[in-house]
Amino acid sequence: MSTSPTPASTNELRRWARFVLVNDRAPRVSADCALCGNEIENGYVRESRTRLLYCATQCYAGHAVAIEKQQRRVS
């Protein structure tokens, strides 16, 4: 058994990474938060699967809870 770390492939990262936290940078184009609608200035969260932008981790978490509730209602 090897104990040395191996680099993950891009497909593995996409499967496990749910979001990307970007510090001290603004999006290339002006953008608004997908949940609250505030303009994103410095630092944001990008969901890897939908590529939606959120102004803070709280908005990302709130959106995830809303989606989960909606999925429960449908099924």
N, C-alpha and C. Protein backbone atom coordinates (compact mmCIF):
# COMPACT_ATOMS: atom_id res chain seq x y z
N MET A 1 0.85 -1.18 0.00
CA MET A 1 0.00 0.00 0.00
C MET A 1 0.89 1.24 0.00
N SER A 2 0.63 2.15 -0.90
CA SER A 2 1.41 3.36 -1.01
C SER A 2 0.81 4.46 -0.13
N THR A 3 1.71 5.18 0.55
CA THR A 3 1.23 6.29 1.39
C THR A 3 1.46 7.64 0.74
N SER A 4 2.07 7.65 -0.43
CA SER A 4 2.31 8.93 -1.09
C SER A 4 1.03 9.40 -1.78
N PRO A 5 0.75 10.71 -1.70
CA PRO A 5 -0.47 11.23 -2.33
C PRO A 5 -0.36 11.18 -3.84
N THR A 6 -1.47 10.91 -4.48
CA THR A 6 -1.50 10.91 -5.94
C THR A 6 -2.44 12.02 -6.40
N PRO A 7 -2.10 12.68 -7.49
CA PRO A 7 -2.99 13.75 -7.96
C PRO A 7 -4.31 13.18 -8.45
N ALA A 8 -5.38 13.89 -8.16
CA ALA A 8 -6.70 13.47 -8.59
C ALA A 8 -6.93 13.91 -10.03
N SER A 9 -7.65 13.11 -10.77
CA SER A 9 -7.98 13.49 -12.13
C SER A 9 -9.08 14.55 -12.10
N THR A 10 -9.28 15.21 -13.20
CA THR A 10 -10.31 16.24 -13.29
C THR A 10 -11.69 15.67 -13.03
N ASN A 11 -11.96 14.48 -13.53
CA ASN A 11 -13.27 13.85 -13.31
C ASN A 11 -13.51 13.56 -11.84
N GLU A 12 -12.46 13.12 -11.12
CA GLU A 12 -12.60 12.85 -9.69
C GLU A 12 -12.89 14.12 -8.93
N LEU A 13 -12.23 15.21 -9.29
CA LEU A 13 -12.48 16.48 -8.61
C LEU A 13 -13.90 16.97 -8.85
N ARG A 14 -14.39 16.83 -10.06
CA ARG A 14 -15.76 17.26 -10.37
C ARG A 14 -16.78 16.46 -9.57
N ARG A 15 -16.50 15.20 -9.35
CA ARG A 15 -17.44 14.35 -8.63
C ARG A 15 -17.48 14.72 -7.15
N TRP A 16 -16.34 15.08 -6.55
CA TRP A 16 -16.28 15.34 -5.12
C TRP A 16 -16.42 16.80 -4.76
N ALA A 17 -15.96 17.70 -5.60
CA ALA A 17 -16.04 19.13 -5.28
C ALA A 17 -17.43 19.64 -5.57
N ARG A 18 -18.09 20.17 -4.56
CA ARG A 18 -19.44 20.70 -4.73
C ARG A 18 -19.41 22.20 -5.01
N PHE A 19 -18.40 22.88 -4.48
CA PHE A 19 -18.30 24.31 -4.69
C PHE A 19 -16.86 24.75 -4.63
N VAL A 20 -16.60 25.93 -5.15
CA VAL A 20 -15.28 26.54 -5.11
C VAL A 20 -15.41 27.87 -4.40
N LEU A 21 -14.58 28.08 -3.40
CA LEU A 21 -14.57 29.34 -2.66
C LEU A 21 -13.47 30.22 -3.24
N VAL A 22 -13.85 31.40 -3.72
CA VAL A 22 -12.89 32.33 -4.33
C VAL A 22 -12.73 33.52 -3.41
N ASN A 23 -11.53 33.75 -2.92
CA ASN A 23 -11.26 34.85 -1.99
C ASN A 23 -10.64 36.04 -2.71
N ASP A 24 -11.05 37.23 -2.34
CA ASP A 24 -10.45 38.49 -2.79
C ASP A 24 -10.40 38.65 -4.31
N ARG A 25 -11.36 38.10 -5.01
CA ARG A 25 -11.45 38.29 -6.45
C ARG A 25 -12.90 38.53 -6.81
N ALA A 26 -13.10 39.25 -7.86
CA ALA A 26 -14.45 39.50 -8.38
C ALA A 26 -14.64 38.68 -9.65
N PRO A 27 -15.86 38.32 -9.99
CA PRO A 27 -16.09 37.62 -11.26
C PRO A 27 -15.67 38.49 -12.44
N ARG A 28 -15.38 37.88 -13.56
CA ARG A 28 -14.93 38.62 -14.74
C ARG A 28 -15.96 39.63 -15.21
N VAL A 29 -17.21 39.26 -15.16
CA VAL A 29 -18.29 40.19 -15.52
C VAL A 29 -19.08 40.48 -14.25
N SER A 30 -19.78 41.60 -14.24
CA SER A 30 -20.57 41.90 -13.06
C SER A 30 -21.64 40.84 -12.89
N ALA A 31 -21.80 40.38 -11.64
CA ALA A 31 -22.74 39.29 -11.38
C ALA A 31 -23.46 39.53 -10.06
N ASP A 32 -24.62 38.90 -9.94
CA ASP A 32 -25.42 38.98 -8.72
C ASP A 32 -25.52 37.59 -8.09
N CYS A 33 -25.73 37.57 -6.79
CA CYS A 33 -25.88 36.33 -6.05
C CYS A 33 -27.14 35.59 -6.53
N ALA A 34 -27.03 34.28 -6.70
CA ALA A 34 -28.15 33.48 -7.18
C ALA A 34 -29.27 33.39 -6.15
N LEU A 35 -28.98 33.62 -4.87
CA LEU A 35 -30.03 33.50 -3.85
C LEU A 35 -30.59 34.85 -3.43
N CYS A 36 -29.72 35.76 -2.99
CA CYS A 36 -30.21 37.02 -2.43
C CYS A 36 -30.21 38.17 -3.43
N GLY A 37 -29.48 38.04 -4.54
CA GLY A 37 -29.48 39.08 -5.56
C GLY A 37 -28.51 40.22 -5.34
N ASN A 38 -27.70 40.16 -4.27
CA ASN A 38 -26.70 41.21 -4.04
C ASN A 38 -25.60 41.13 -5.09
N GLU A 39 -25.04 42.29 -5.41
CA GLU A 39 -23.95 42.32 -6.37
C GLU A 39 -22.70 41.71 -5.73
N ILE A 40 -22.00 40.87 -6.49
CA ILE A 40 -20.79 40.22 -5.99
C ILE A 40 -19.61 41.12 -6.29
N GLU A 41 -18.87 41.49 -5.24
CA GLU A 41 -17.73 42.39 -5.40
C GLU A 41 -16.40 41.68 -5.20
N ASN A 42 -16.08 41.29 -3.98
CA ASN A 42 -14.82 40.60 -3.69
C ASN A 42 -15.10 39.32 -2.93
N GLY A 43 -14.70 38.21 -3.49
CA GLY A 43 -14.91 36.92 -2.88
C GLY A 43 -16.30 36.40 -3.14
N TYR A 44 -16.39 35.15 -3.53
CA TYR A 44 -17.69 34.55 -3.83
C TYR A 44 -17.56 33.04 -3.80
N VAL A 45 -18.69 32.35 -3.90
CA VAL A 45 -18.75 30.90 -3.96
C VAL A 45 -19.37 30.53 -5.31
N ARG A 46 -18.73 29.60 -6.01
CA ARG A 46 -19.25 29.13 -7.29
C ARG A 46 -19.59 27.65 -7.14
N GLU A 47 -20.84 27.29 -7.42
CA GLU A 47 -21.23 25.88 -7.39
C GLU A 47 -20.68 25.22 -8.63
N SER A 48 -19.98 24.10 -8.46
CA SER A 48 -19.27 23.49 -9.57
C SER A 48 -20.19 22.85 -10.60
N ARG A 49 -21.33 22.34 -10.20
CA ARG A 49 -22.20 21.65 -11.16
C ARG A 49 -23.06 22.61 -11.97
N THR A 50 -23.62 23.63 -11.33
CA THR A 50 -24.50 24.56 -12.04
C THR A 50 -23.80 25.85 -12.45
N ARG A 51 -22.62 26.09 -11.88
CA ARG A 51 -21.84 27.32 -12.11
C ARG A 51 -22.55 28.58 -11.63
N LEU A 52 -23.48 28.42 -10.70
CA LEU A 52 -24.13 29.59 -10.11
C LEU A 52 -23.19 30.26 -9.14
N LEU A 53 -23.30 31.58 -9.01
CA LEU A 53 -22.46 32.35 -8.09
C LEU A 53 -23.27 32.77 -6.87
N TYR A 54 -22.64 32.73 -5.70
CA TYR A 54 -23.24 33.15 -4.44
C TYR A 54 -22.30 34.12 -3.77
N CYS A 55 -22.86 35.12 -3.08
CA CYS A 55 -22.03 36.15 -2.46
C CYS A 55 -21.33 35.67 -1.20
N ALA A 56 -21.83 34.62 -0.56
CA ALA A 56 -21.24 34.11 0.68
C ALA A 56 -21.60 32.65 0.86
N THR A 57 -20.89 31.99 1.76
CA THR A 57 -21.17 30.59 2.03
C THR A 57 -22.56 30.40 2.63
N GLN A 58 -23.07 31.41 3.33
CA GLN A 58 -24.41 31.32 3.91
C GLN A 58 -25.47 31.24 2.81
N CYS A 59 -25.30 32.03 1.76
CA CYS A 59 -26.25 31.99 0.64
C CYS A 59 -26.17 30.65 -0.08
N TYR A 60 -24.96 30.13 -0.26
CA TYR A 60 -24.80 28.82 -0.89
C TYR A 60 -25.50 27.74 -0.06
N ALA A 61 -25.30 27.76 1.25
CA ALA A 61 -25.94 26.78 2.14
C ALA A 61 -27.46 26.93 2.11
N GLY A 62 -27.96 28.16 2.10
CA GLY A 62 -29.39 28.40 2.05
C GLY A 62 -30.01 27.88 0.77
N HIS A 63 -29.30 28.03 -0.34
CA HIS A 63 -29.80 27.54 -1.62
C HIS A 63 -29.83 26.01 -1.62
N ALA A 64 -28.82 25.38 -1.04
CA ALA A 64 -28.76 23.92 -0.98
C ALA A 64 -29.92 23.37 -0.16
N VAL A 65 -30.26 24.02 0.93
CA VAL A 65 -31.38 23.59 1.77
C VAL A 65 -32.70 23.74 1.01
N ALA A 66 -32.86 24.83 0.29
CA ALA A 66 -34.10 25.05 -0.49
C ALA A 66 -34.24 23.99 -1.58
N ILE A 67 -33.18 23.65 -2.26
CA ILE A 67 -33.22 22.63 -3.31
C ILE A 67 -33.57 21.27 -2.70
N GLU A 68 -32.98 20.95 -1.54
CA GLU A 68 -33.25 19.67 -0.89
C GLU A 68 -34.73 19.58 -0.49
N LYS A 69 -35.29 20.64 0.05
CA LYS A 69 -36.71 20.64 0.42
C LYS A 69 -37.59 20.45 -0.81
N GLN A 70 -37.23 21.11 -1.90
CA GLN A 70 -38.02 21.00 -3.13
C GLN A 70 -37.97 19.57 -3.67
N GLN A 71 -36.81 18.94 -3.61
CA GLN A 71 -36.68 17.56 -4.10
C GLN A 71 -37.49 16.60 -3.24
N ARG A 72 -37.56 16.84 -1.94
CA ARG A 72 -38.35 15.99 -1.06
C ARG A 72 -39.83 16.09 -1.39
N ARG A 73 -40.30 17.31 -1.70
CA ARG A 73 -41.71 17.51 -2.04
C ARG A 73 -42.09 16.80 -3.32
N VAL A 74 -41.19 16.80 -4.29
CA VAL A 74 -41.46 16.20 -5.59
C VAL A 74 -41.52 14.70 -5.50
N SER A 75 -40.63 14.09 -4.73
CA SER A 75 -40.58 12.62 -4.67
C SER A 75 -41.58 12.01 -3.74
